[in-house]
Protein backbone atom coordinates (compact mmCIF):
# COMPACT_ATOMS: atom_id res chain seq x y z
CA MET A 1 0.00 0.00 0.00
CA LYS A 2 2.92 2.32 0.75
CA ASN A 3 4.16 1.98 -2.84
CA ALA A 4 0.68 2.70 -4.21
CA TRP A 5 0.54 5.98 -2.28
CA ARG A 6 4.06 6.81 -3.44
CA VAL A 7 3.06 6.25 -7.07
CA LEU A 8 -0.05 8.42 -6.59
CA ARG A 9 2.02 11.21 -5.00
CA PHE A 10 4.55 10.96 -7.83
CA LEU A 11 1.74 11.17 -10.40
CA ALA A 12 0.23 14.19 -8.65
CA VAL A 13 3.55 16.05 -8.40
CA GLY A 14 4.54 15.03 -11.91
CA SER A 15 1.18 16.02 -13.36
CA VAL A 16 1.33 19.50 -11.88
CA VAL A 17 4.98 20.04 -12.85
CA ASN A 18 4.52 18.64 -16.36
CA ILE A 19 1.30 20.56 -17.06
CA VAL A 20 2.85 23.84 -15.91
CA PHE A 21 6.09 23.37 -17.82
CA TYR A 22 4.40 21.92 -20.94
CA GLY A 23 2.22 25.03 -20.96
CA LEU A 24 5.34 27.17 -20.73
CA TYR A 25 6.89 25.12 -23.54
CA LEU A 26 3.85 25.84 -25.74
CA LEU A 27 3.93 29.55 -24.89
CA PHE A 28 7.64 29.71 -25.69
CA THR A 29 7.13 28.06 -29.10
CA LEU A 30 4.04 30.16 -29.86
CA ALA A 31 6.14 33.26 -29.19
CA GLY A 32 8.55 32.10 -31.89
CA GLY A 33 11.08 30.14 -29.87
CA SER A 34 12.48 26.96 -31.35
CA PRO A 35 11.11 23.69 -29.94
CA LEU A 36 14.60 22.53 -28.90
CA ALA A 37 15.34 25.77 -27.04
CA ALA A 38 11.88 25.73 -25.44
CA MET A 39 12.37 22.15 -24.27
CA THR A 40 15.79 22.99 -22.83
CA VAL A 41 14.57 25.98 -20.81
CA THR A 42 11.40 24.34 -19.53
CA TYR A 43 13.13 21.03 -18.79
CA CYS A 44 15.63 22.75 -16.50
CA GLY A 45 12.85 24.51 -14.60
CA ALA A 46 10.84 21.29 -14.31
CA VAL A 47 13.88 19.40 -12.99
CA LEU A 48 14.39 21.85 -10.15
CA ALA A 49 10.70 22.00 -9.24
CA GLY A 50 10.41 18.24 -9.49
CA PHE A 51 13.41 17.64 -7.23
CA LEU A 52 12.09 19.87 -4.49
CA LEU A 53 8.57 18.45 -4.64
CA ASN A 54 9.44 14.78 -5.15
CA ARG A 55 12.10 14.75 -2.47
CA ARG A 56 9.68 16.09 0.12
CA ILE A 57 6.24 14.89 -0.98
CA THR A 58 6.79 11.67 -2.92
CA PHE A 59 9.81 10.09 -1.28
CA SER A 60 9.83 11.89 2.11
CA ASP A 61 13.61 12.21 1.92
CA ARG A 62 14.93 14.86 4.26
CA ASN A 63 18.63 13.92 4.29
CA ILE A 64 20.31 16.85 2.52
CA HIS A 65 23.87 15.48 2.49
CA ASP A 66 23.45 12.10 0.85
CA GLY A 67 24.12 12.81 -2.82
CA ALA A 68 20.45 12.67 -3.84
CA LEU A 69 20.70 15.95 -5.76
CA LEU A 70 23.67 14.65 -7.75
CA ARG A 71 21.87 11.38 -8.55
CA TYR A 72 18.70 13.31 -9.39
CA CYS A 73 20.59 15.58 -11.79
CA ALA A 74 22.26 12.54 -13.40
CA ALA A 75 18.88 10.81 -13.88
CA TYR A 76 17.30 13.93 -15.32
CA GLY A 77 20.40 14.65 -17.41
CA PHE A 78 19.88 11.26 -19.01
CA GLY A 79 16.19 12.13 -19.42
CA PHE A 80 17.09 15.49 -20.96
CA PHE A 81 19.34 13.99 -23.62
CA THR A 82 16.76 11.28 -24.32
CA ASN A 83 14.10 13.98 -24.71
CA LEU A 84 16.34 16.18 -26.86
CA THR A 85 17.28 13.28 -29.15
CA ILE A 86 13.69 12.09 -29.63
CA LEU A 87 12.37 15.63 -30.19
CA TRP A 88 15.15 16.39 -32.68
CA LEU A 89 14.71 13.10 -34.53
CA PHE A 90 10.93 12.98 -34.75
CA ALA A 91 10.07 16.70 -34.96
CA GLU A 92 13.08 18.31 -36.61
CA ARG A 93 14.23 15.49 -38.92
CA LEU A 94 11.08 13.44 -39.60
CA GLY A 95 8.59 16.32 -39.48
CA TYR A 96 6.16 15.07 -36.82
CA SER A 97 4.28 17.65 -34.76
CA HIS A 98 6.60 18.83 -31.97
CA GLU A 99 3.60 19.34 -29.67
CA ILE A 100 2.61 15.68 -29.94
CA VAL A 101 6.17 14.35 -29.80
CA GLN A 102 6.91 16.38 -26.66
CA ALA A 103 3.69 15.24 -24.98
CA LEU A 104 4.46 11.56 -25.68
CA VAL A 105 8.07 11.87 -24.54
CA THR A 106 6.93 13.53 -21.32
CA PHE A 107 4.72 10.53 -20.52
CA ILE A 108 7.40 7.94 -21.35
CA LEU A 109 10.08 9.76 -19.36
CA ALA A 110 7.77 10.02 -16.35
CA ILE A 111 7.70 6.24 -16.03
CA MET A 112 11.44 5.87 -16.48
CA LEU A 113 12.26 8.67 -14.06
CA PHE A 114 9.91 7.39 -11.36
CA LEU A 115 11.73 4.06 -11.39
CA MET A 116 15.12 5.77 -11.29
CA GLN A 117 14.05 7.92 -8.35
CA LYS A 118 12.49 5.06 -6.41
CA TYR A 119 15.43 2.69 -6.73
CA TRP A 120 18.44 4.98 -7.16
CA VAL A 121 17.90 8.67 -6.35
CA PHE A 122 15.81 8.34 -3.16
CA PRO A 123 16.27 4.69 -2.17
CA GLY A 124 14.45 3.67 1.00
CA ARG A 125 16.56 3.80 4.12
C-alpha cells in the first residue's frame, strides 16, 4: 500500500509540474522560440521544481547530504538527452508535430524517471 501511495504522489507532483512546464513550452514556441530551445529551458525549470517536490512529498527524503541531488541531476540529465534526441529526430528530422512528440516523450520519461528515483535517487533507508 505504501508503494501505491508513493506512485499516486509521484503522479500528482509530476502532473502538476509537467502541465505547468508543458504550458510554458507551448507559450515559448508560440512566441517564436524553437522547440529545442523551449524544451531545454522548460526542462531545467521542471527538474528543479520536481526535485524539491518529489524529495519532500513523494519520497519523504529529508537527508540533505546524501548525494540525492547529484543522482537526481544525473537521472534527469539522461532524461534530458533522451528527450532532446527524440524531439530532434521525430520533430526536426522526420517532421512530426513537436507538440505531440513532446507530450508523448513527457509521458514515457515520467515512467522511467519514477523508477530511477524510487530505486536509485531516493532509495528507501
